[in-house]
Amino acid sequence: MDAIADWRRIARKAKYRVDMMAEVVGVTPREIERFFSQRLRLSPKEWVDNLRMEDARRCLRRGLPIKEVAMRLGFKHAQDFSRAFIRINGAPPSQVRFPKSP
C-alpha cells in the first residue's frame, strides 16, 4: 500500500467507501485501517469523510445545488449530506461562499 500514490482517486472511484477502497486495492478493510492509522493518524473513514467534504466544498463553490452535490457524493438524502457537512465543517453547506464574478 506504500506504493499507492493517489489515494484520492481510489477513494473517489470507490464512491467514498472504505470497503470498496479495500476491494480496489486488493486488501482487506482491516489492512486499510491499519495503514491509515499508522501513516496518517486517522481512521480511513475520517480521511474519506474529509475528502468527501473537500469535494463537496469544491462543487458548492462552483454553484452546484446542494441536492445535486449530495447525490454526486453518494448521499441518499440531502439532509444526510447537510448533517455530515455541518459535522465536518461546522457550518451548513448553504453558507459556502461562491467566488465573486468580475
N, C-alpha and C. Protein backbone atom coordinates (compact mmCIF):
# COMPACT_ATOMS: atom_id res chain seq x y z
N MET A 1 0.82 -1.20 0.00
CA MET A 1 0.00 0.00 0.00
C MET A 1 0.86 1.26 0.00
N ASP A 2 2.11 1.13 0.45
CA ASP A 2 3.01 2.28 0.42
C ASP A 2 3.23 2.79 -1.00
N ALA A 3 3.11 1.92 -1.97
CA ALA A 3 3.36 2.28 -3.36
C ALA A 3 2.21 3.07 -3.99
N ILE A 4 1.06 3.09 -3.34
CA ILE A 4 -0.10 3.79 -3.90
C ILE A 4 0.10 5.29 -3.73
N ALA A 5 0.09 6.00 -4.85
CA ALA A 5 0.37 7.43 -4.83
C ALA A 5 -0.91 8.27 -4.79
N ASP A 6 -2.01 7.74 -5.31
CA ASP A 6 -3.21 8.56 -5.43
C ASP A 6 -4.41 7.95 -4.71
N TRP A 7 -4.38 8.04 -3.40
CA TRP A 7 -5.48 7.54 -2.59
C TRP A 7 -6.77 8.30 -2.87
N ARG A 8 -6.65 9.58 -3.23
CA ARG A 8 -7.86 10.38 -3.52
C ARG A 8 -8.62 9.78 -4.70
N ARG A 9 -7.89 9.44 -5.76
CA ARG A 9 -8.53 8.85 -6.94
C ARG A 9 -9.19 7.52 -6.57
N ILE A 10 -8.51 6.72 -5.78
CA ILE A 10 -9.05 5.43 -5.36
C ILE A 10 -10.33 5.63 -4.54
N ALA A 11 -10.31 6.58 -3.62
CA ALA A 11 -11.49 6.83 -2.78
C ALA A 11 -12.67 7.28 -3.63
N ARG A 12 -12.40 8.15 -4.60
CA ARG A 12 -13.49 8.62 -5.47
C ARG A 12 -14.02 7.47 -6.32
N LYS A 13 -13.12 6.66 -6.86
CA LYS A 13 -13.53 5.50 -7.66
C LYS A 13 -14.36 4.54 -6.83
N ALA A 14 -14.03 4.43 -5.55
CA ALA A 14 -14.75 3.54 -4.63
C ALA A 14 -15.98 4.19 -4.02
N LYS A 15 -16.36 5.34 -4.56
CA LYS A 15 -17.55 6.07 -4.10
C LYS A 15 -17.48 6.40 -2.61
N TYR A 16 -16.27 6.73 -2.17
CA TYR A 16 -16.02 7.18 -0.79
C TYR A 16 -16.35 6.10 0.25
N ARG A 17 -16.23 4.84 -0.14
CA ARG A 17 -16.50 3.73 0.78
C ARG A 17 -15.20 2.97 1.05
N VAL A 18 -14.88 2.83 2.31
CA VAL A 18 -13.63 2.18 2.71
C VAL A 18 -13.61 0.72 2.26
N ASP A 19 -14.73 0.02 2.39
CA ASP A 19 -14.76 -1.39 1.97
C ASP A 19 -14.49 -1.53 0.48
N MET A 20 -15.00 -0.60 -0.31
CA MET A 20 -14.76 -0.65 -1.75
C MET A 20 -13.32 -0.23 -2.08
N MET A 21 -12.76 0.69 -1.29
CA MET A 21 -11.35 1.05 -1.48
C MET A 21 -10.47 -0.19 -1.29
N ALA A 22 -10.77 -0.94 -0.25
CA ALA A 22 -10.00 -2.16 0.02
C ALA A 22 -10.10 -3.12 -1.16
N GLU A 23 -11.30 -3.24 -1.70
CA GLU A 23 -11.51 -4.12 -2.84
C GLU A 23 -10.70 -3.65 -4.06
N VAL A 24 -10.73 -2.34 -4.33
CA VAL A 24 -9.99 -1.78 -5.47
C VAL A 24 -8.49 -2.05 -5.32
N VAL A 25 -7.99 -1.91 -4.10
CA VAL A 25 -6.56 -2.07 -3.83
C VAL A 25 -6.17 -3.55 -3.68
N GLY A 26 -7.15 -4.39 -3.38
CA GLY A 26 -6.88 -5.81 -3.23
C GLY A 26 -6.41 -6.22 -1.85
N VAL A 27 -6.93 -5.51 -0.83
CA VAL A 27 -6.60 -5.84 0.56
C VAL A 27 -7.90 -5.89 1.35
N THR A 28 -7.79 -6.23 2.62
CA THR A 28 -8.98 -6.26 3.48
C THR A 28 -9.22 -4.86 4.06
N PRO A 29 -10.45 -4.58 4.46
CA PRO A 29 -10.72 -3.30 5.11
C PRO A 29 -9.86 -3.10 6.36
N ARG A 30 -9.58 -4.17 7.07
CA ARG A 30 -8.74 -4.07 8.28
C ARG A 30 -7.32 -3.63 7.92
N GLU A 31 -6.80 -4.13 6.81
CA GLU A 31 -5.46 -3.70 6.38
C GLU A 31 -5.44 -2.21 6.04
N ILE A 32 -6.50 -1.74 5.43
CA ILE A 32 -6.61 -0.30 5.14
C ILE A 32 -6.65 0.48 6.45
N GLU A 33 -7.41 0.00 7.43
CA GLU A 33 -7.50 0.67 8.73
C GLU A 33 -6.12 0.79 9.37
N ARG A 34 -5.38 -0.30 9.39
CA ARG A 34 -4.04 -0.27 9.99
C ARG A 34 -3.12 0.69 9.24
N PHE A 35 -3.17 0.64 7.92
CA PHE A 35 -2.32 1.51 7.11
C PHE A 35 -2.60 2.98 7.39
N PHE A 36 -3.86 3.38 7.35
CA PHE A 36 -4.22 4.78 7.57
C PHE A 36 -3.90 5.21 9.00
N SER A 37 -4.17 4.34 9.95
CA SER A 37 -3.88 4.68 11.35
C SER A 37 -2.39 4.91 11.56
N GLN A 38 -1.56 4.06 10.98
CA GLN A 38 -0.11 4.19 11.14
C GLN A 38 0.46 5.36 10.36
N ARG A 39 0.01 5.56 9.13
CA ARG A 39 0.60 6.58 8.25
C ARG A 39 0.02 7.97 8.46
N LEU A 40 -1.29 8.05 8.64
CA LEU A 40 -1.97 9.35 8.67
C LEU A 40 -2.53 9.73 10.04
N ARG A 41 -2.50 8.78 10.96
CA ARG A 41 -3.05 9.01 12.30
C ARG A 41 -4.55 9.35 12.24
N LEU A 42 -5.21 8.83 11.21
CA LEU A 42 -6.65 8.97 11.04
C LEU A 42 -7.21 7.61 10.68
N SER A 43 -8.47 7.40 11.02
CA SER A 43 -9.11 6.19 10.50
C SER A 43 -9.39 6.43 9.02
N PRO A 44 -9.49 5.37 8.23
CA PRO A 44 -9.81 5.59 6.82
C PRO A 44 -11.15 6.30 6.64
N LYS A 45 -12.09 6.02 7.53
CA LYS A 45 -13.41 6.69 7.45
C LYS A 45 -13.26 8.19 7.66
N GLU A 46 -12.46 8.59 8.64
CA GLU A 46 -12.24 10.02 8.87
C GLU A 46 -11.59 10.66 7.65
N TRP A 47 -10.60 9.99 7.09
CA TRP A 47 -9.90 10.52 5.92
C TRP A 47 -10.86 10.64 4.74
N VAL A 48 -11.65 9.60 4.50
CA VAL A 48 -12.61 9.61 3.39
C VAL A 48 -13.66 10.70 3.61
N ASP A 49 -14.16 10.82 4.83
CA ASP A 49 -15.15 11.87 5.12
C ASP A 49 -14.58 13.26 4.85
N ASN A 50 -13.33 13.48 5.23
CA ASN A 50 -12.69 14.78 4.96
C ASN A 50 -12.55 15.03 3.46
N LEU A 51 -12.14 14.02 2.71
CA LEU A 51 -12.01 14.16 1.25
C LEU A 51 -13.38 14.43 0.63
N ARG A 52 -14.37 13.71 1.08
CA ARG A 52 -15.73 13.88 0.56
C ARG A 52 -16.22 15.31 0.78
N MET A 53 -15.94 15.86 1.96
CA MET A 53 -16.38 17.22 2.24
C MET A 53 -15.53 18.25 1.48
N GLU A 54 -14.29 17.94 1.25
CA GLU A 54 -13.45 18.81 0.41
C GLU A 54 -14.04 18.86 -1.01
N ASP A 55 -14.42 17.70 -1.52
CA ASP A 55 -15.05 17.64 -2.85
C ASP A 55 -16.39 18.36 -2.83
N ALA A 56 -17.12 18.25 -1.74
CA ALA A 56 -18.41 18.93 -1.62
C ALA A 56 -18.22 20.45 -1.66
N ARG A 57 -17.24 20.95 -0.92
CA ARG A 57 -17.00 22.41 -0.92
C ARG A 57 -16.64 22.89 -2.33
N ARG A 58 -15.85 22.11 -3.05
CA ARG A 58 -15.46 22.48 -4.40
C ARG A 58 -16.70 22.56 -5.31
N CYS A 59 -17.58 21.56 -5.21
CA CYS A 59 -18.81 21.55 -6.01
C CYS A 59 -19.72 22.72 -5.65
N LEU A 60 -19.86 22.99 -4.36
CA LEU A 60 -20.73 24.08 -3.92
C LEU A 60 -20.18 25.43 -4.40
N ARG A 61 -18.87 25.59 -4.36
CA ARG A 61 -18.26 26.85 -4.82
C ARG A 61 -18.46 27.06 -6.31
N ARG A 62 -18.60 25.96 -7.04
CA ARG A 62 -18.86 26.06 -8.48
C ARG A 62 -20.32 26.39 -8.75
N GLY A 63 -21.13 26.40 -7.68
CA GLY A 63 -22.52 26.79 -7.82
C GLY A 63 -23.51 25.65 -7.97
N LEU A 64 -23.07 24.41 -7.77
CA LEU A 64 -23.99 23.29 -7.89
C LEU A 64 -24.98 23.30 -6.73
N PRO A 65 -26.22 22.94 -6.99
CA PRO A 65 -27.23 22.89 -5.91
C PRO A 65 -26.86 21.82 -4.87
N ILE A 66 -27.27 22.06 -3.65
CA ILE A 66 -26.97 21.15 -2.54
C ILE A 66 -27.45 19.74 -2.83
N LYS A 67 -28.66 19.60 -3.36
CA LYS A 67 -29.19 18.25 -3.66
C LYS A 67 -28.31 17.53 -4.67
N GLU A 68 -27.85 18.24 -5.68
CA GLU A 68 -27.00 17.62 -6.70
C GLU A 68 -25.66 17.20 -6.11
N VAL A 69 -25.09 18.05 -5.25
CA VAL A 69 -23.83 17.72 -4.60
C VAL A 69 -24.01 16.47 -3.74
N ALA A 70 -25.09 16.42 -3.00
CA ALA A 70 -25.37 15.25 -2.15
C ALA A 70 -25.44 13.98 -2.99
N MET A 71 -26.13 14.03 -4.10
CA MET A 71 -26.27 12.85 -4.97
C MET A 71 -24.92 12.46 -5.57
N ARG A 72 -24.14 13.44 -6.04
CA ARG A 72 -22.83 13.16 -6.64
C ARG A 72 -21.88 12.48 -5.65
N LEU A 73 -22.01 12.84 -4.38
CA LEU A 73 -21.10 12.31 -3.37
C LEU A 73 -21.65 11.07 -2.67
N GLY A 74 -22.75 10.54 -3.19
CA GLY A 74 -23.23 9.26 -2.70
C GLY A 74 -24.16 9.30 -1.50
N PHE A 75 -24.69 10.46 -1.17
CA PHE A 75 -25.67 10.54 -0.08
C PHE A 75 -27.05 10.24 -0.64
N LYS A 76 -27.84 9.49 0.10
CA LYS A 76 -29.18 9.16 -0.36
C LYS A 76 -30.13 10.35 -0.22
N HIS A 77 -29.86 11.18 0.78
CA HIS A 77 -30.74 12.32 1.05
C HIS A 77 -29.90 13.57 1.31
N ALA A 78 -30.41 14.70 0.85
CA ALA A 78 -29.71 15.97 1.07
C ALA A 78 -29.55 16.25 2.57
N GLN A 79 -30.51 15.81 3.38
CA GLN A 79 -30.42 16.02 4.83
C GLN A 79 -29.22 15.30 5.42
N ASP A 80 -28.97 14.08 4.96
CA ASP A 80 -27.81 13.32 5.44
C ASP A 80 -26.52 14.05 5.08
N PHE A 81 -26.48 14.56 3.85
CA PHE A 81 -25.32 15.33 3.41
C PHE A 81 -25.14 16.57 4.27
N SER A 82 -26.21 17.30 4.51
CA SER A 82 -26.13 18.53 5.31
C SER A 82 -25.62 18.25 6.72
N ARG A 83 -26.12 17.18 7.33
CA ARG A 83 -25.66 16.82 8.68
C ARG A 83 -24.17 16.50 8.69
N ALA A 84 -23.73 15.71 7.72
CA ALA A 84 -22.31 15.35 7.63
C ALA A 84 -21.47 16.60 7.36
N PHE A 85 -21.96 17.47 6.50
CA PHE A 85 -21.23 18.70 6.17
C PHE A 85 -21.05 19.57 7.41
N ILE A 86 -22.10 19.72 8.19
CA ILE A 86 -22.04 20.52 9.42
C ILE A 86 -21.07 19.87 10.41
N ARG A 87 -21.13 18.55 10.54
CA ARG A 87 -20.25 17.85 11.48
C ARG A 87 -18.77 18.08 11.13
N ILE A 88 -18.44 18.05 9.87
CA ILE A 88 -17.04 18.20 9.44
C ILE A 88 -16.63 19.67 9.35
N ASN A 89 -17.51 20.51 8.83
CA ASN A 89 -17.14 21.90 8.53
C ASN A 89 -17.62 22.92 9.56
N GLY A 90 -18.53 22.52 10.43
CA GLY A 90 -19.00 23.44 11.45
C GLY A 90 -20.03 24.45 10.97
N ALA A 91 -20.46 24.34 9.73
CA ALA A 91 -21.46 25.24 9.16
C ALA A 91 -22.22 24.48 8.08
N PRO A 92 -23.44 24.90 7.78
CA PRO A 92 -24.22 24.20 6.75
C PRO A 92 -23.69 24.48 5.34
N PRO A 93 -23.98 23.60 4.40
CA PRO A 93 -23.49 23.79 3.04
C PRO A 93 -24.01 25.08 2.40
N SER A 94 -25.14 25.56 2.85
CA SER A 94 -25.69 26.80 2.28
C SER A 94 -24.82 28.01 2.59
N GLN A 95 -23.89 27.89 3.52
CA GLN A 95 -23.03 29.02 3.86
C GLN A 95 -21.71 29.03 3.11
N VAL A 96 -21.51 28.06 2.20
CA VAL A 96 -20.28 28.06 1.41
C VAL A 96 -20.34 29.27 0.49
N ARG A 97 -19.26 30.02 0.49
CA ARG A 97 -19.19 31.24 -0.32
C ARG A 97 -18.82 30.91 -1.76
N PHE A 98 -19.52 31.52 -2.68
CA PHE A 98 -19.22 31.37 -4.10
C PHE A 98 -18.23 32.44 -4.50
N PRO A 99 -17.35 32.14 -5.45
CA PRO A 99 -16.42 33.18 -5.91
C PRO A 99 -17.19 34.32 -6.55
N LYS A 100 -16.71 35.53 -6.34
CA LYS A 100 -17.40 36.70 -6.91
C LYS A 100 -17.05 36.82 -8.38
N SER A 101 -18.05 37.17 -9.16
CA SER A 101 -17.83 37.39 -10.60
C SER A 101 -17.24 38.77 -10.81
N PRO A 102 -16.35 38.90 -11.80
CA PRO A 102 -15.76 40.22 -12.06
C PRO A 102 -16.75 41.18 -12.67
